[in-house]
Structure formats: C-alpha cells, structure tokens
C-alpha cells in the first residue's frame, strides 16, 4: 500500500483540493477529518465536523477514539487499497493518523502551497475566518445522511493545477458545511416553524382547502413530516397534486431552514363540495330522481 499526504494549515483549502491531487496521482482513497472516502462514498468513520467542540473535532480527526480507529482500520483491511491520501495540518499529525490506523507512513508529501496559489490560499483563509465554511470532498447527495440538519451547499469546481493547465477541465464536486463547533454559534428551529412552512406551502397549492400535520419525526436520516390534505370538489387529478405538494414542501423547507428533509408523506383526507358545487350537485340529483336527466 502506498500512502501519500497532503498537508497545510487549517482553512487553506486541503479538502477542497484533495480530489484534484488524488485524481492527478491516481489515488482512489482519501482519509480526511475522520472519514475514509472513496469517490462519492463514505466507507467508514465519523466526520470531525459533526463534533460539538473544536477539541472534540481534533480528537476525531486523529482517530483518538479506539472504536472509531478500529472501524476504519477494519475497512481498510477489507478493501485493501493500493494507495491512500491522508490529509493533515502537519507531518506530525499525518504520521499520528497513519500509526493509529496501522498503515505505512507517507512516502510522499504534498504541500498545499505547491497546489494552490498564494491568492487562492488567502481567499480560503478569509472565507473560513468570516463564514466558518468547511469543505468536504464529496458531493451533497453523498453526505446528506451524514449531516442531517446542517447547512449544506453544493460546490462544483473546475481545477487548474499549478503549472498544469491540462487539469482545467476536470470538474470536482464538493459540499460546504457549517459544523456544530462553528464560531457562528448553534441554531435552533422550533418544530412549529417547520410545520407552519409546510402547511403554508400545501395550502397555497391550487385545489387545496386545508392541510393538517399528522406526524413529525426527526432522526439521523433527517426530518419526516406527514400531512393530511382536504381538496375542493372538481380537482380530479389528485395524485398529481399530491406529488406536487411533496416536491414543493421538501424544496421550500430545505431552502428556508437548511434542514435535511428525509420524507414528506401526503394523504388526500377528503374532498369537500363547496356551496356552489353543492347546489349544482343537488339539482342534478333531483333531476335524476324525476327521470329528467339521463345518467352520464
């Protein structure tokens, strides 16, 4: 097994550029912030960005917890990688990670300054300081379950390696997260807020008279919300309307709250005849009873 290392101070863009290094060097596996990653998949581990404190995040990143380290060690033995790229803020940190994961010490080190320009590094540091945005070298869809309830932003970059313009057209997908230990502080959303947004979106849909929440579940997969829908009489393509409500509720909740919505269940509870339609229907029935109207 060949082990490589990408080192640089925190916030200089290591995670952002790790996929470019891996692609350029033909490295299939990456160890970053407590995770073992291959392509678009998290194979093992727990992200340091899920910790509540910076100290906890540091311990997670260096596999301080024996159970965490054992899980990743066993996965490495199972997949038998030919090469791994380990990210760290220093050679000492990378060597500590390799010892705890029982893999060889790096045979080659890449420094962030050899990959990114001074201007790019300065910009990355500025964004980290101002917005506390952390990059994970995976697309958003790959880590939604890993980060339920976090603020997630997709990021697609077209890298140009330093002095290597042939990499300009190589797209790299990443995800930006704002972790719990962020200096911006924690945020809290009342269940009632999420409920009211969902009900408002549903009731704004044409043909809907009223919506009612029947269930609200929040777990590691994200949020599941169930709604009962009351329709006006005359809207016959109810399945299509229900699908539209599902889509709109999910998109609006994720857009406004940053929460991961795992499932939106919608049920057509009943159809209501409004006064005008009710009168017309009653007249039709009376005519039928008198034999003056043929059945359709």
Protein backbone atom coordinates (compact mmCIF):
# COMPACT_ATOMS: atom_id res chain seq x y z
CA UNK A 1 0.00 0.00 0.00
CA UNK A 2 1.31 3.43 -0.97
CA UNK A 3 0.44 6.27 1.39
CA UNK A 4 0.56 9.93 0.39
CA UNK A 5 -0.07 13.02 2.48
CA UNK A 6 -1.48 16.47 1.76
CA UNK A 7 -0.54 18.95 4.46
CA UNK A 8 -1.29 22.59 5.17
CA UNK A 9 -2.71 24.82 7.91
CA UNK A 10 -6.40 24.60 8.74
CA UNK A 11 -8.60 26.53 6.35
CA UNK A 12 -6.13 26.73 3.45
CA UNK A 13 -8.17 24.52 1.12
CA UNK A 14 -6.79 20.97 1.62
CA UNK A 15 -10.17 19.24 1.49
CA UNK A 16 -11.20 21.42 -1.45
CA UNK A 17 -8.19 20.32 -3.49
CA UNK A 18 -7.69 16.77 -2.23
CA UNK A 19 -9.77 15.25 -5.05
CA UNK A 20 -7.60 17.01 -7.61
CA UNK A 21 -4.45 15.59 -6.02
CA UNK A 22 -6.00 12.13 -5.82
CA UNK A 23 -7.07 12.28 -9.47
CA UNK A 24 -3.70 13.53 -10.63
CA UNK A 25 -1.76 10.86 -8.74
CA UNK A 26 -4.20 8.00 -9.36
CA UNK A 27 -5.13 7.68 -5.66
CA UNK A 28 -8.53 6.06 -5.07
CA UNK A 29 -8.94 6.53 -1.30
CA UNK A 30 -8.81 9.65 0.92
CA UNK A 31 -8.67 9.97 4.71
CA UNK A 32 -9.95 13.38 5.74
CA UNK A 33 -11.31 14.63 9.07
CA UNK A 34 -12.09 11.17 10.45
CA UNK A 35 -13.59 9.70 7.26
CA UNK A 36 -12.40 7.05 4.83
CA UNK A 37 -13.65 8.17 1.42
CA UNK A 38 -13.68 6.53 -2.00
CA UNK A 39 -15.13 8.51 -4.89
CA UNK A 40 -18.62 9.65 -3.84
CA UNK A 41 -18.88 7.28 -0.88
CA UNK A 42 -18.06 7.41 2.83
CA UNK A 43 -16.79 3.90 3.56
CA UNK A 44 -16.12 4.25 7.29
CA UNK A 45 -15.59 6.72 10.10
CA UNK A 46 -17.35 9.75 11.52
CA UNK A 47 -16.66 13.30 10.40
CA UNK A 48 -14.87 15.61 12.81
CA UNK A 49 -17.22 18.32 11.61
CA UNK A 50 -20.06 16.62 13.48
CA UNK A 51 -18.41 17.26 16.86
CA UNK A 52 -19.71 19.93 19.23
CA UNK A 53 -16.31 21.43 20.11
CA UNK A 54 -13.04 22.12 18.32
CA UNK A 55 -11.22 19.86 20.78
CA UNK A 56 -13.66 17.06 20.01
CA UNK A 57 -13.19 17.68 16.30
CA UNK A 58 -9.40 17.48 16.62
CA UNK A 59 -9.60 14.18 18.52
CA UNK A 60 -11.97 12.79 15.91
CA UNK A 61 -9.68 13.86 13.04
CA UNK A 62 -6.69 11.99 14.51
CA UNK A 63 -8.75 8.89 15.41
CA UNK A 64 -8.25 9.35 19.16
CA UNK A 65 -11.32 7.20 19.91
CA UNK A 66 -10.28 3.49 19.77
CA UNK A 67 -13.64 2.32 18.38
CA UNK A 68 -13.52 4.94 15.64
CA UNK A 69 -9.97 3.97 14.71
CA UNK A 70 -10.81 0.25 14.75
CA UNK A 71 -13.79 0.74 12.43
CA UNK A 72 -11.64 2.50 9.83
CA UNK A 73 -8.75 0.03 10.27
CA UNK A 74 -11.06 -2.90 9.59
CA UNK A 75 -12.48 -1.22 6.50
CA UNK A 76 -9.01 -0.54 5.14
CA UNK A 77 -8.12 -4.22 5.64
CA UNK A 78 -11.32 -5.22 3.87
CA UNK A 79 -10.92 -3.01 0.77
CA UNK A 80 -7.12 -3.47 0.52
CA UNK A 81 -6.39 -0.13 -1.15
CA UNK A 82 -3.35 0.21 -3.34
CA UNK A 83 -2.96 3.86 -2.31
CA UNK A 84 -4.39 6.33 0.20
CA UNK A 85 -4.13 10.12 0.51
CA UNK A 86 -4.09 11.33 4.14
CA UNK A 87 -4.90 14.97 4.93
CA UNK A 88 -3.45 16.81 7.92
CA UNK A 89 -2.24 20.17 9.16
CA UNK A 90 1.33 18.87 9.65
CA UNK A 91 3.62 15.88 9.10
CA UNK A 92 3.29 15.07 12.77
CA UNK A 93 -0.50 14.89 12.52
CA UNK A 94 -0.40 12.70 9.41
CA UNK A 95 2.12 10.32 10.99
CA UNK A 96 -0.09 10.06 14.10
CA UNK A 97 -3.08 9.16 11.90
CA UNK A 98 -1.14 6.51 9.99
CA UNK A 99 0.09 4.91 13.25
CA UNK A 100 -3.41 4.77 14.71
CA UNK A 101 -4.81 3.27 11.51
CA UNK A 102 -1.91 0.82 11.25
CA UNK A 103 -0.93 1.85 7.73
CA UNK A 104 2.55 2.74 6.40
CA UNK A 105 3.99 6.21 6.91
CA UNK A 106 3.63 8.50 3.88
CA UNK A 107 6.22 8.01 1.18
CA UNK A 108 5.41 11.33 -0.46
CA UNK A 109 4.13 14.65 0.93
CA UNK A 110 2.25 17.33 -0.99
CA UNK A 111 2.22 20.81 0.45
CA UNK A 112 -0.85 22.99 -0.12
CA UNK A 113 1.46 25.80 -1.30
CA UNK A 114 2.60 23.60 -4.20
CA UNK A 115 -1.00 23.08 -5.34
CA UNK A 116 -2.78 26.38 -4.70
CA UNK A 117 -1.56 29.91 -5.37
CA UNK A 118 -0.98 32.37 -2.50
CA UNK A 119 -4.07 34.29 -3.61
CA UNK A 120 -6.23 31.13 -3.50
CA UNK A 121 -4.93 30.22 -0.05
CA UNK A 122 -5.54 33.74 1.23
CA UNK A 123 -9.09 33.66 -0.13
CA UNK A 124 -9.76 30.27 1.52
CA UNK A 125 -8.47 31.56 4.86
CA UNK A 126 -10.62 34.68 4.57
CA UNK A 127 -13.78 32.64 3.90
CA UNK A 128 -13.02 30.29 6.81
CA UNK A 129 -12.47 33.22 9.16
CA UNK A 130 -15.52 35.21 8.02
CA UNK A 131 -18.09 32.48 7.37
CA UNK A 132 -16.60 29.37 9.03
CA UNK A 133 -17.36 27.30 5.95
CA UNK A 134 -15.76 23.85 5.83
CA UNK A 135 -15.42 21.78 2.66
CA UNK A 136 -15.90 18.01 2.48
CA UNK A 137 -14.56 16.30 -0.68
CA UNK A 138 -17.91 14.72 -1.50
CA UNK A 139 -20.99 15.93 -3.39
CA UNK A 140 -24.00 16.99 -1.32
CA UNK A 141 -26.11 13.91 -2.12
CA UNK A 142 -23.37 11.66 -0.71
CA UNK A 143 -23.35 13.19 2.78
CA UNK A 144 -26.96 14.22 3.43
CA UNK A 145 -27.49 11.31 5.82
CA UNK A 146 -24.14 12.02 7.48
CA UNK A 147 -25.11 15.63 8.14
CA UNK A 148 -28.88 15.86 8.79
CA UNK A 149 -29.96 19.31 9.93
CA UNK A 150 -26.71 21.02 8.87
CA UNK A 151 -26.41 23.82 6.36
CA UNK A 152 -25.25 22.14 3.15
CA UNK A 153 -24.17 23.91 -0.03
CA UNK A 154 -23.04 22.17 -3.20
CA UNK A 155 -19.82 23.33 -4.80
CA UNK A 156 -18.55 22.37 -8.23
CA UNK A 157 -15.06 23.48 -9.17
CA UNK A 158 -13.04 23.26 -12.34
CA UNK A 159 -9.47 22.95 -11.12
CA UNK A 160 -6.38 24.22 -12.84
CA UNK A 161 -3.42 22.64 -11.14
CA UNK A 162 -0.47 24.90 -10.50
CA UNK A 163 1.55 24.96 -13.75
CA UNK A 164 -0.73 22.17 -15.05
CA UNK A 165 -3.40 23.74 -17.30
CA UNK A 166 -4.47 20.29 -18.56
CA UNK A 167 -6.48 19.87 -15.35
CA UNK A 168 -8.56 22.96 -16.01
CA UNK A 169 -11.46 20.97 -17.42
CA UNK A 170 -11.60 18.42 -14.57
CA UNK A 171 -14.82 19.01 -12.55
CA UNK A 172 -14.68 18.28 -8.81
CA UNK A 173 -17.84 18.12 -6.70
CA UNK A 174 -17.74 19.09 -3.04
CA UNK A 175 -20.06 20.09 -0.25
CA UNK A 176 -19.74 23.02 2.14
CA UNK A 177 -20.89 22.54 5.73
CA UNK A 178 -21.09 24.79 8.76
CA UNK A 179 -20.23 22.44 11.62
CA UNK A 180 -21.62 22.48 15.16
CA UNK A 181 -18.40 23.93 16.60
CA UNK A 182 -18.70 26.87 14.19
CA UNK A 183 -17.87 30.23 15.70
CA UNK A 184 -21.15 31.45 14.23
CA UNK A 185 -22.87 29.52 17.03
CA UNK A 186 -25.60 26.89 17.03
CA UNK A 187 -29.03 27.42 15.56
CA UNK A 188 -32.35 26.00 16.66
CA UNK A 189 -35.60 25.64 14.77
CA UNK A 190 -38.89 25.01 16.52
CA UNK A 191 -40.94 22.11 15.19
CA UNK A 192 -43.79 24.58 14.90
CA UNK A 193 -41.79 26.72 12.45
CA UNK A 194 -41.19 23.77 10.13
CA UNK A 195 -44.82 22.72 10.45
CA UNK A 196 -46.15 26.16 9.57
CA UNK A 197 -43.93 26.44 6.48
CA UNK A 198 -45.09 23.01 5.26
CA UNK A 199 -48.77 23.85 5.84
CA UNK A 200 -48.46 27.21 4.12
CA UNK A 201 -46.85 25.65 1.04
CA UNK A 202 -49.51 22.93 0.87
CA UNK A 203 -52.43 25.35 1.29
CA UNK A 204 -51.05 27.64 -1.43
CA UNK A 205 -51.46 24.79 -3.93
CA UNK A 206 -54.44 25.18 -6.23
CA UNK A 207 -57.34 22.93 -5.27
CA UNK A 208 -56.35 22.61 -1.60
CA UNK A 209 -58.75 23.91 1.08
CA UNK A 210 -56.78 22.95 4.16
CA UNK A 211 -53.71 21.00 5.28
CA UNK A 212 -53.05 19.46 8.66
CA UNK A 213 -49.87 18.00 10.14
CA UNK A 214 -50.36 14.46 11.46
CA UNK A 215 -46.78 13.40 12.25
CA UNK A 216 -43.31 14.91 12.68
CA UNK A 217 -40.23 12.71 13.14
CA UNK A 218 -36.62 13.84 13.36
CA UNK A 219 -33.77 11.31 13.40
CA UNK A 220 -30.34 10.64 11.87
CA UNK A 221 -31.86 10.36 8.41
CA UNK A 222 -33.40 13.84 8.63
CA UNK A 223 -36.98 15.03 9.11
CA UNK A 224 -40.13 13.17 8.12
CA UNK A 225 -43.36 15.16 8.06
CA UNK A 226 -46.85 13.82 7.30
CA UNK A 227 -49.75 15.96 6.07
CA UNK A 228 -53.46 15.38 5.55
CA UNK A 229 -54.90 17.36 2.63
CA UNK A 230 -58.52 18.44 2.12
CA UNK A 231 -59.39 19.18 -1.52
CA UNK A 232 -62.06 21.22 -3.24
CA UNK A 233 -64.52 19.24 -5.32
CA UNK A 234 -63.63 19.28 -9.02
CA UNK A 235 -59.87 18.68 -8.83
CA UNK A 236 -59.76 15.12 -10.10
CA UNK A 237 -56.03 14.59 -10.72
CA UNK A 238 -55.40 14.31 -7.01
CA UNK A 239 -52.31 12.01 -7.24
CA UNK A 240 -50.53 14.58 -9.40
CA UNK A 241 -51.39 17.37 -6.95
CA UNK A 242 -50.14 15.29 -4.02
CA UNK A 243 -46.83 14.69 -5.79
CA UNK A 244 -46.55 18.41 -6.47
CA UNK A 245 -47.15 19.18 -2.79
CA UNK A 246 -44.47 16.67 -1.76
CA UNK A 247 -41.92 18.27 -4.04
CA UNK A 248 -42.75 21.86 -3.10
CA UNK A 249 -42.77 21.20 0.65
CA UNK A 250 -39.40 19.44 0.55
CA UNK A 251 -37.75 22.10 -1.61
CA UNK A 252 -39.12 25.03 0.41
CA UNK A 253 -38.23 23.54 3.80
CA UNK A 254 -34.68 22.70 2.75
CA UNK A 255 -34.27 26.13 1.16
CA UNK A 256 -35.57 28.13 4.13
CA UNK A 257 -34.29 26.07 7.07
CA UNK A 258 -31.20 24.23 5.86
CA UNK A 259 -32.65 21.01 7.32
CA UNK A 260 -32.42 17.70 5.53
CA UNK A 261 -35.97 16.55 4.70
CA UNK A 262 -35.96 12.76 4.50
CA UNK A 263 -39.61 12.22 3.59
CA UNK A 264 -42.86 14.13 3.03
CA UNK A 265 -45.96 11.97 3.35
CA UNK A 266 -49.20 13.46 1.99
CA UNK A 267 -52.64 11.93 2.22
CA UNK A 268 -55.84 13.08 0.48
CA UNK A 269 -58.12 13.03 3.51
CA UNK A 270 -61.33 14.11 1.83
CA UNK A 271 -62.92 16.15 -0.94
CA UNK A 272 -65.33 18.94 0.03
CA UNK A 273 -68.22 20.20 -2.07
CA UNK A 274 -68.29 23.95 -1.80
CA UNK A 275 -71.62 25.79 -1.74
CA UNK A 276 -71.93 26.48 -5.48
CA UNK A 277 -70.91 22.96 -6.47
CA UNK A 278 -73.10 21.51 -3.75
CA UNK A 279 -76.18 23.30 -5.08
CA UNK A 280 -75.45 22.18 -8.66
CA UNK A 281 -74.94 18.61 -7.48
CA UNK A 282 -78.20 18.67 -5.51
CA UNK A 283 -80.10 19.96 -8.55
CA UNK A 284 -78.61 17.19 -10.68
CA UNK A 285 -79.74 14.56 -8.16
CA UNK A 286 -83.28 15.99 -8.08
CA UNK A 287 -83.48 15.87 -11.88
CA UNK A 288 -82.29 12.28 -11.88
CA UNK A 289 -84.93 11.32 -9.37
CA UNK A 290 -87.59 12.90 -11.55
CA UNK A 291 -86.31 10.99 -14.57
CA UNK A 292 -85.49 14.17 -16.49
CA UNK A 293 -81.77 13.58 -16.68
CA UNK A 294 -80.08 10.55 -18.11
CA UNK A 295 -77.11 9.04 -16.35
CA UNK A 296 -73.80 10.05 -17.93
